[in-house]
């Protein structure tokens, strides 16, 4: 049971993204649409897998070329926030915050944060994320995730879509040592962003599909609370 719970906890780590001459439009065509500075919107993802909560992704523009994407679910509330930079080469993940059930914050060390290409590139391009975090600031135990995302398809059924294949290696140095391999898939649509994602870790899997876009006001009404400052 403890091993299964650890699988489930690791599944919730979101997909869950320099200096150069910048293009006039800093957001890639197939990534999340870029709101006006200081504004935000929410994507509702429906959990196709029984037993998992729906997710709500808050996408906010916090700087000229900066996004903050925070994930909320029906079970645990706020899970994590990803701070991302829109570079000339694509989307770079600057930092990540993880929230536990008590509201405590873990700051994730981002060794490599290559999330998304600037242009719709050829297949077999690999984008690397290498993350590490400690569950206790005073502890020497930690978890590492090495995630490789590779473009495998650039159109589906005539739609302008971009599909990524995910491979993850999860090294857990908590109560002993645990090594887990994970595999998944993400589908992005031009002008819309992430439309579908699925991931398997061991015997645990989850699948989500985009359901609707919400305003911040309607999202706050749905969850019955104001969005906190992260």
C-alpha atoms as a PDB file:
ATOM      1  CA  UNK A   1       0.000   0.000   0.000  1.00  0.00           C
ATOM      2  CA  UNK A   2       2.859   2.412   0.848  1.00  0.00           C
ATOM      3  CA  UNK A   3       4.455   1.769  -2.562  1.00  0.00           C
ATOM      4  CA  UNK A   4       1.148   2.439  -4.361  1.00  0.00           C
ATOM      5  CA  UNK A   5       0.662   5.677  -2.421  1.00  0.00           C
ATOM      6  CA  UNK A   6       4.169   6.761  -3.427  1.00  0.00           C
ATOM      7  CA  UNK A   7       3.331   6.069  -7.074  1.00  0.00           C
ATOM      8  CA  UNK A   8       0.207   8.234  -6.772  1.00  0.00           C
ATOM      9  CA  UNK A   9       2.104  11.081  -5.103  1.00  0.00           C
ATOM     10  CA  UNK A  10       4.717  11.110  -7.870  1.00  0.00           C
ATOM     11  CA  UNK A  11       2.007  11.105 -10.544  1.00  0.00           C
ATOM     12  CA  UNK A  12       0.827  14.484  -9.300  1.00  0.00           C
ATOM     13  CA  UNK A  13       4.079  16.157 -10.234  1.00  0.00           C
ATOM     14  CA  UNK A  14       2.862  18.111 -13.129  1.00  0.00           C
ATOM     15  CA  UNK A  15       3.946  17.999 -16.675  1.00  0.00           C
ATOM     16  CA  UNK A  16       3.816  18.801 -15.718  1.00  0.00           C
ATOM     17  CA  UNK A  17       8.492  24.334 -18.803  1.00  0.00           C
ATOM     18  CA  UNK A  18      19.268  32.675 -22.780  1.00  0.00           C
ATOM     19  CA  UNK A  19      19.788  35.166 -23.621  1.00  0.00           C
ATOM     20  CA  UNK A  20      18.997  35.778 -27.316  1.00  0.00           C
ATOM     21  CA  UNK A  21      17.307  38.100 -29.778  1.00  0.00           C
ATOM     22  CA  UNK A  22      13.607  37.731 -28.929  1.00  0.00           C
ATOM     23  CA  UNK A  23      10.803  37.238 -31.477  1.00  0.00           C
ATOM     24  CA  UNK A  24       7.906  39.735 -31.494  1.00  0.00           C
ATOM     25  CA  UNK A  25       5.483  37.100 -30.173  1.00  0.00           C
ATOM     26  CA  UNK A  26       7.160  35.348 -27.224  1.00  0.00           C
ATOM     27  CA  UNK A  27       4.687  32.446 -26.975  1.00  0.00           C
ATOM     28  CA  UNK A  28       5.097  29.349 -29.213  1.00  0.00           C
ATOM     29  CA  UNK A  29       2.098  28.696 -31.464  1.00  0.00           C
ATOM     30  CA  UNK A  30       1.362  25.314 -29.903  1.00  0.00           C
ATOM     31  CA  UNK A  31       1.840  26.295 -26.270  1.00  0.00           C
ATOM     32  CA  UNK A  32      -0.747  27.881 -23.969  1.00  0.00           C
ATOM     33  CA  UNK A  33      -2.189  31.147 -25.368  1.00  0.00           C
ATOM     34  CA  UNK A  34      -0.499  34.167 -23.835  1.00  0.00           C
ATOM     35  CA  UNK A  35      -2.824  36.400 -21.735  1.00  0.00           C
ATOM     36  CA  UNK A  36      -2.275  40.116 -21.283  1.00  0.00           C
ATOM     37  CA  UNK A  37       0.279  41.108 -18.665  1.00  0.00           C
ATOM     38  CA  UNK A  38      -1.155  40.461 -15.190  1.00  0.00           C
ATOM     39  CA  UNK A  39      -4.157  38.543 -16.538  1.00  0.00           C
ATOM     40  CA  UNK A  40      -4.956  34.837 -16.286  1.00  0.00           C
ATOM     41  CA  UNK A  41      -7.352  32.105 -17.354  1.00  0.00           C
ATOM     42  CA  UNK A  42      -8.026  28.536 -16.215  1.00  0.00           C
ATOM     43  CA  UNK A  43      -8.091  25.252 -18.162  1.00  0.00           C
ATOM     44  CA  UNK A  44     -10.288  22.502 -16.731  1.00  0.00           C
ATOM     45  CA  UNK A  45      -8.985  18.967 -17.408  1.00  0.00           C
ATOM     46  CA  UNK A  46     -11.362  16.058 -16.924  1.00  0.00           C
ATOM     47  CA  UNK A  47      -9.977  12.907 -15.298  1.00  0.00           C
ATOM     48  CA  UNK A  48     -10.771   9.965 -17.576  1.00  0.00           C
ATOM     49  CA  UNK A  49      -9.232   7.560 -15.041  1.00  0.00           C
ATOM     50  CA  UNK A  50     -11.542   6.507 -12.228  1.00  0.00           C
ATOM     51  CA  UNK A  51     -10.359   7.526  -8.776  1.00  0.00           C
ATOM     52  CA  UNK A  52      -8.399  10.603  -9.850  1.00  0.00           C
ATOM     53  CA  UNK A  53      -9.576  14.205  -9.371  1.00  0.00           C
ATOM     54  CA  UNK A  54     -10.255  16.730 -12.106  1.00  0.00           C
ATOM     55  CA  UNK A  55      -7.467  19.293 -12.502  1.00  0.00           C
ATOM     56  CA  UNK A  56      -7.593  23.052 -13.042  1.00  0.00           C
ATOM     57  CA  UNK A  57      -4.535  24.757 -14.518  1.00  0.00           C
ATOM     58  CA  UNK A  58      -4.260  28.492 -13.826  1.00  0.00           C
ATOM     59  CA  UNK A  59      -2.179  30.163 -16.546  1.00  0.00           C
ATOM     60  CA  UNK A  60      -1.100  33.697 -15.608  1.00  0.00           C
ATOM     61  CA  UNK A  61       1.295  36.111 -17.293  1.00  0.00           C
ATOM     62  CA  UNK A  62       3.452  37.599 -14.543  1.00  0.00           C
ATOM     63  CA  UNK A  63       6.011  39.379 -16.721  1.00  0.00           C
ATOM     64  CA  UNK A  64       6.664  40.363 -20.302  1.00  0.00           C
ATOM     65  CA  UNK A  65       8.050  36.888 -21.014  1.00  0.00           C
ATOM     66  CA  UNK A  66       7.083  35.031 -17.864  1.00  0.00           C
ATOM     67  CA  UNK A  67       4.251  32.614 -17.116  1.00  0.00           C
ATOM     68  CA  UNK A  68       3.110  31.029 -13.873  1.00  0.00           C
ATOM     69  CA  UNK A  69       1.118  27.810 -14.247  1.00  0.00           C
ATOM     70  CA  UNK A  70      -0.466  26.535 -11.011  1.00  0.00           C
ATOM     71  CA  UNK A  71      -2.399  23.274 -10.706  1.00  0.00           C
ATOM     72  CA  UNK A  72      -5.440  22.762  -8.464  1.00  0.00           C
ATOM     73  CA  UNK A  73      -7.369  19.506  -8.066  1.00  0.00           C
ATOM     74  CA  UNK A  74     -10.662  18.490  -6.481  1.00  0.00           C
ATOM     75  CA  UNK A  75      -8.998  16.345  -3.800  1.00  0.00           C
ATOM     76  CA  UNK A  76      -5.948  18.181  -2.489  1.00  0.00           C
ATOM     77  CA  UNK A  77      -6.388  21.804  -3.515  1.00  0.00           C
ATOM     78  CA  UNK A  78      -3.244  23.505  -4.858  1.00  0.00           C
ATOM     79  CA  UNK A  79      -0.531  21.035  -5.905  1.00  0.00           C
ATOM     80  CA  UNK A  80       2.223  22.992  -7.585  1.00  0.00           C
ATOM     81  CA  UNK A  81       3.274  26.102  -9.485  1.00  0.00           C
ATOM     82  CA  UNK A  82       5.657  26.199 -12.433  1.00  0.00           C
ATOM     83  CA  UNK A  83       7.432  29.467 -13.251  1.00  0.00           C
ATOM     84  CA  UNK A  84       8.357  29.592 -16.931  1.00  0.00           C
ATOM     85  CA  UNK A  85      10.319  31.893 -19.210  1.00  0.00           C
ATOM     86  CA  UNK A  86       9.454  32.447 -22.880  1.00  0.00           C
ATOM     87  CA  UNK A  87      12.862  32.470 -24.544  1.00  0.00           C
ATOM     88  CA  UNK A  88      13.758  32.753 -28.228  1.00  0.00           C
ATOM     89  CA  UNK A  89      14.414  28.995 -28.312  1.00  0.00           C
ATOM     90  CA  UNK A  90      11.179  28.011 -26.523  1.00  0.00           C
ATOM     91  CA  UNK A  91       9.749  27.652 -23.022  1.00  0.00           C
ATOM     92  CA  UNK A  92      12.265  27.302 -20.165  1.00  0.00           C
ATOM     93  CA  UNK A  93      11.236  26.280 -16.654  1.00  0.00           C
ATOM     94  CA  UNK A  94      12.836  28.607 -14.072  1.00  0.00           C
ATOM     95  CA  UNK A  95      11.489  27.131 -10.840  1.00  0.00           C
ATOM     96  CA  UNK A  96       8.773  24.923  -9.326  1.00  0.00           C
ATOM     97  CA  UNK A  97       6.887  25.007  -6.026  1.00  0.00           C
ATOM     98  CA  UNK A  98       5.247  21.873  -4.583  1.00  0.00           C
ATOM     99  CA  UNK A  99       2.534  22.121  -1.912  1.00  0.00           C
ATOM    100  CA  UNK A 100       1.771  19.349   0.577  1.00  0.00           C
ATOM    101  CA  UNK A 101      -1.606  18.687   2.204  1.00  0.00           C
ATOM    102  CA  UNK A 102      -0.775  21.054   5.088  1.00  0.00           C
ATOM    103  CA  UNK A 103       0.049  23.916   2.754  1.00  0.00           C
ATOM    104  CA  UNK A 104       3.787  23.646   3.305  1.00  0.00           C
ATOM    105  CA  UNK A 105       5.918  24.582   0.309  1.00  0.00           C
ATOM    106  CA  UNK A 106       8.796  22.621  -1.189  1.00  0.00           C
ATOM    107  CA  UNK A 107      10.978  24.505  -3.641  1.00  0.00           C
ATOM    108  CA  UNK A 108      12.196  22.259  -6.445  1.00  0.00           C
ATOM    109  CA  UNK A 109      15.726  22.593  -7.776  1.00  0.00           C
ATOM    110  CA  UNK A 110      15.585  22.820 -11.586  1.00  0.00           C
ATOM    111  CA  UNK A 111      18.853  21.524 -13.010  1.00  0.00           C
ATOM    112  CA  UNK A 112      17.499  21.498 -16.575  1.00  0.00           C
ATOM    113  CA  UNK A 113      14.152  23.009 -17.549  1.00  0.00           C
ATOM    114  CA  UNK A 114      13.733  22.639 -21.302  1.00  0.00           C
ATOM    115  CA  UNK A 115       9.980  22.333 -21.764  1.00  0.00           C
ATOM    116  CA  UNK A 116       8.802  23.298 -25.205  1.00  0.00           C
ATOM    117  CA  UNK A 117      10.213  24.304 -28.616  1.00  0.00           C
ATOM    118  CA  UNK A 118       9.852  27.758 -30.099  1.00  0.00           C
ATOM    119  CA  UNK A 119       8.950  26.319 -33.497  1.00  0.00           C
ATOM    120  CA  UNK A 120       7.196  23.152 -34.628  1.00  0.00           C
ATOM    121  CA  UNK A 121      10.360  21.091 -35.095  1.00  0.00           C
ATOM    122  CA  UNK A 122      11.173  17.736 -36.625  1.00  0.00           C
ATOM    123  CA  UNK A 123      10.456  14.569 -34.706  1.00  0.00           C
ATOM    124  CA  UNK A 124      13.099  13.019 -32.439  1.00  0.00           C
ATOM    125  CA  UNK A 125      13.979  16.386 -30.870  1.00  0.00           C
ATOM    126  CA  UNK A 126      14.399  15.719 -27.118  1.00  0.00           C
ATOM    127  CA  UNK A 127      13.658  18.230 -24.345  1.00  0.00           C
ATOM    128  CA  UNK A 128      15.167  17.520 -20.931  1.00  0.00           C
ATOM    129  CA  UNK A 129      13.862  18.282 -17.450  1.00  0.00           C
ATOM    130  CA  UNK A 130      15.961  17.380 -14.424  1.00  0.00           C
ATOM    131  CA  UNK A 131      14.308  18.168 -11.075  1.00  0.00           C
ATOM    132  CA  UNK A 132      15.293  17.531  -7.452  1.00  0.00           C
ATOM    133  CA  UNK A 133      13.508  18.322  -4.193  1.00  0.00           C
ATOM    134  CA  UNK A 134      13.797  17.643  -0.465  1.00  0.00           C
ATOM    135  CA  UNK A 135      10.693  16.885   1.595  1.00  0.00           C
ATOM    136  CA  UNK A 136      12.349  18.485   4.619  1.00  0.00           C
ATOM    137  CA  UNK A 137      14.794  21.427   4.395  1.00  0.00           C
ATOM    138  CA  UNK A 138      16.926  19.856   7.130  1.00  0.00           C
ATOM    139  CA  UNK A 139      16.919  16.380   5.573  1.00  0.00           C
ATOM    140  CA  UNK A 140      19.477  14.757   3.282  1.00  0.00           C
ATOM    141  CA  UNK A 141      16.800  12.585   1.634  1.00  0.00           C
ATOM    142  CA  UNK A 142      15.437  13.732  -1.700  1.00  0.00           C
ATOM    143  CA  UNK A 143      13.603  12.803  -4.909  1.00  0.00           C
ATOM    144  CA  UNK A 144      14.943  13.292  -8.443  1.00  0.00           C
ATOM    145  CA  UNK A 145      13.010  13.238 -11.706  1.00  0.00           C
ATOM    146  CA  UNK A 146      14.699  13.105 -15.108  1.00  0.00           C
ATOM    147  CA  UNK A 147      12.104  13.644 -17.827  1.00  0.00           C
ATOM    148  CA  UNK A 148      12.735  13.348 -21.568  1.00  0.00           C
ATOM    149  CA  UNK A 149      10.039  14.735 -23.865  1.00  0.00           C
ATOM    150  CA  UNK A 150      10.321  13.880 -27.578  1.00  0.00           C
ATOM    151  CA  UNK A 151       8.169  15.099 -30.462  1.00  0.00           C
ATOM    152  CA  UNK A 152       6.671  12.047 -32.166  1.00  0.00           C
ATOM    153  CA  UNK A 153       3.867  13.487 -34.303  1.00  0.00           C
ATOM    154  CA  UNK A 154       3.069  16.887 -35.786  1.00  0.00           C
ATOM    155  CA  UNK A 155      -0.530  16.373 -36.937  1.00  0.00           C
ATOM    156  CA  UNK A 156      -3.481  14.158 -36.027  1.00  0.00           C
ATOM    157  CA  UNK A 157      -6.516  13.612 -38.256  1.00  0.00           C
ATOM    158  CA  UNK A 158      -5.878  16.856 -40.123  1.00  0.00           C
ATOM    159  CA  UNK A 159      -5.665  18.917 -36.907  1.00  0.00           C
ATOM    160  CA  UNK A 160      -2.758  21.220 -36.174  1.00  0.00           C
ATOM    161  CA  UNK A 161      -1.393  19.256 -33.237  1.00  0.00           C
ATOM    162  CA  UNK A 162       1.952  18.398 -31.678  1.00  0.00           C
ATOM    163  CA  UNK A 163       2.390  15.130 -29.774  1.00  0.00           C
ATOM    164  CA  UNK A 164       5.138  14.402 -27.248  1.00  0.00           C
ATOM    165  CA  UNK A 165       6.256  11.050 -25.912  1.00  0.00           C
ATOM    166  CA  UNK A 166       7.474  11.161 -22.285  1.00  0.00           C
ATOM    167  CA  UNK A 167      10.000   8.939 -20.537  1.00  0.00           C
ATOM    168  CA  UNK A 168      10.793   9.521 -16.868  1.00  0.00           C
ATOM    169  CA  UNK A 169      13.276   8.118 -14.415  1.00  0.00           C
ATOM    170  CA  UNK A 170      12.253   8.752 -10.799  1.00  0.00           C
ATOM    171  CA  UNK A 171      14.875   8.174  -8.116  1.00  0.00           C
ATOM    172  CA  UNK A 172      13.385   8.320  -4.628  1.00  0.00           C
ATOM    173  CA  UNK A 173      15.824   8.537  -1.701  1.00  0.00           C
ATOM    174  CA  UNK A 174      13.328   8.702   1.161  1.00  0.00           C
ATOM    175  CA  UNK A 175      12.738   5.544   3.234  1.00  0.00           C
ATOM    176  CA  UNK A 176      15.399   3.526   1.480  1.00  0.00           C
ATOM    177  CA  UNK A 177      15.949   3.740  -2.265  1.00  0.00           C
ATOM    178  CA  UNK A 178      13.251   3.412  -4.918  1.00  0.00           C
ATOM    179  CA  UNK A 179      13.748   3.680  -8.690  1.00  0.00           C
ATOM    180  CA  UNK A 180      10.662   3.995 -10.898  1.00  0.00           C
ATOM    181  CA  UNK A 181      10.278   4.294 -14.658  1.00  0.00           C
ATOM    182  CA  UNK A 182       7.326   6.246 -16.059  1.00  0.00           C
ATOM    183  CA  UNK A 183       5.951   6.755 -19.563  1.00  0.00           C
ATOM    184  CA  UNK A 184       3.379   9.132 -20.984  1.00  0.00           C
ATOM    185  CA  UNK A 185       2.038  11.212 -23.858  1.00  0.00           C
ATOM    186  CA  UNK A 186       0.970  14.852 -24.314  1.00  0.00           C
ATOM    187  CA  UNK A 187      -0.993  16.433 -27.179  1.00  0.00           C
ATOM    188  CA  UNK A 188      -0.867  20.201 -27.809  1.00  0.00           C
ATOM    189  CA  UNK A 189      -3.125  22.014 -30.297  1.00  0.00           C
ATOM    190  CA  UNK A 190      -2.169  25.157 -32.180  1.00  0.00           C
ATOM    191  CA  UNK A 191      -3.659  28.220 -30.513  1.00  0.00           C
ATOM    192  CA  UNK A 192      -5.034  26.188 -27.571  1.00  0.00           C
ATOM    193  CA  UNK A 193      -2.167  24.485 -25.741  1.00  0.00           C
ATOM    194  CA  UNK A 194      -2.357  21.175 -23.875  1.00  0.00           C
ATOM    195  CA  UNK A 195      -5.445  19.161 -24.868  1.00  0.00           C
ATOM    196  CA  UNK A 196      -4.632  15.657 -23.602  1.00  0.00           C
ATOM    197  CA  UNK A 197      -2.091  13.979 -21.334  1.00  0.00           C
ATOM    198  CA  UNK A 198      -1.572  10.531 -19.906  1.00  0.00           C
ATOM    199  CA  UNK A 199       1.098   8.938 -17.712  1.00  0.00           C
ATOM    200  CA  UNK A 200       1.838   5.500 -16.276  1.00  0.00           C
ATOM    201  CA  UNK A 201       4.030   4.865 -13.224  1.00  0.00           C
ATOM    202  CA  UNK A 202       4.288   1.225 -12.274  1.00  0.00           C
ATOM    203  CA  UNK A 203       0.748  -0.106 -11.926  1.00  0.00           C
ATOM    204  CA  UNK A 204      -0.786   3.358 -11.539  1.00  0.00           C
ATOM    205  CA  UNK A 205      -1.915   5.431 -14.529  1.00  0.00           C
ATOM    206  CA  UNK A 206      -3.960   8.528 -15.199  1.00  0.00           C
ATOM    207  CA  UNK A 207      -5.449  10.169 -18.309  1.00  0.00           C
ATOM    208  CA  UNK A 208      -6.827  13.701 -18.682  1.00  0.00           C
ATOM    209  CA  UNK A 209      -8.591  15.557 -21.501  1.00  0.00           C
ATOM    210  CA  UNK A 210      -9.300  19.269 -21.874  1.00  0.00           C
ATOM    211  CA  UNK A 211     -12.919  20.094 -21.025  1.00  0.00           C
ATOM    212  CA  UNK A 212     -13.345  23.884 -20.900  1.00  0.00           C
ATOM    213  CA  UNK A 213     -11.718  27.254 -20.373  1.00  0.00           C
ATOM    214  CA  UNK A 214     -12.811  29.269 -17.332  1.00  0.00           C
ATOM    215  CA  UNK A 215     -12.340  32.866 -16.293  1.00  0.00           C
ATOM    216  CA  UNK A 216     -10.593  33.420 -12.969  1.00  0.00           C
ATOM    217  CA  UNK A 217     -13.858  34.724 -11.511  1.00  0.00           C
ATOM    218  CA  UNK A 218     -15.818  31.620 -12.528  1.00  0.00           C
ATOM    219  CA  UNK A 219     -13.052  29.344 -11.293  1.00  0.00           C
ATOM    220  CA  UNK A 220     -13.064  31.029  -7.871  1.00  0.00           C
ATOM    221  CA  UNK A 221     -16.832  30.598  -7.685  1.00  0.00           C
ATOM    222  CA  UNK A 222     -16.497  26.916  -8.532  1.00  0.00           C
ATOM    223  CA  UNK A 223     -13.905  26.161  -5.837  1.00  0.00           C
ATOM    224  CA  UNK A 224     -15.407  28.561  -3.304  1.00  0.00           C
ATOM    225  CA  UNK A 225     -12.212  30.477  -2.532  1.00  0.00           C
ATOM    226  CA  UNK A 226      -9.960  33.237  -3.775  1.00  0.00           C
ATOM    227  CA  UNK A 227      -6.732  32.353  -5.545  1.00  0.00           C
ATOM    228  CA  UNK A 228      -3.845  32.853  -3.087  1.00  0.00           C
ATOM    229  CA  UNK A 229      -0.668  34.769  -3.856  1.00  0.00           C
ATOM    230  CA  UNK A 230       2.087  32.299  -4.719  1.00  0.00           C
END
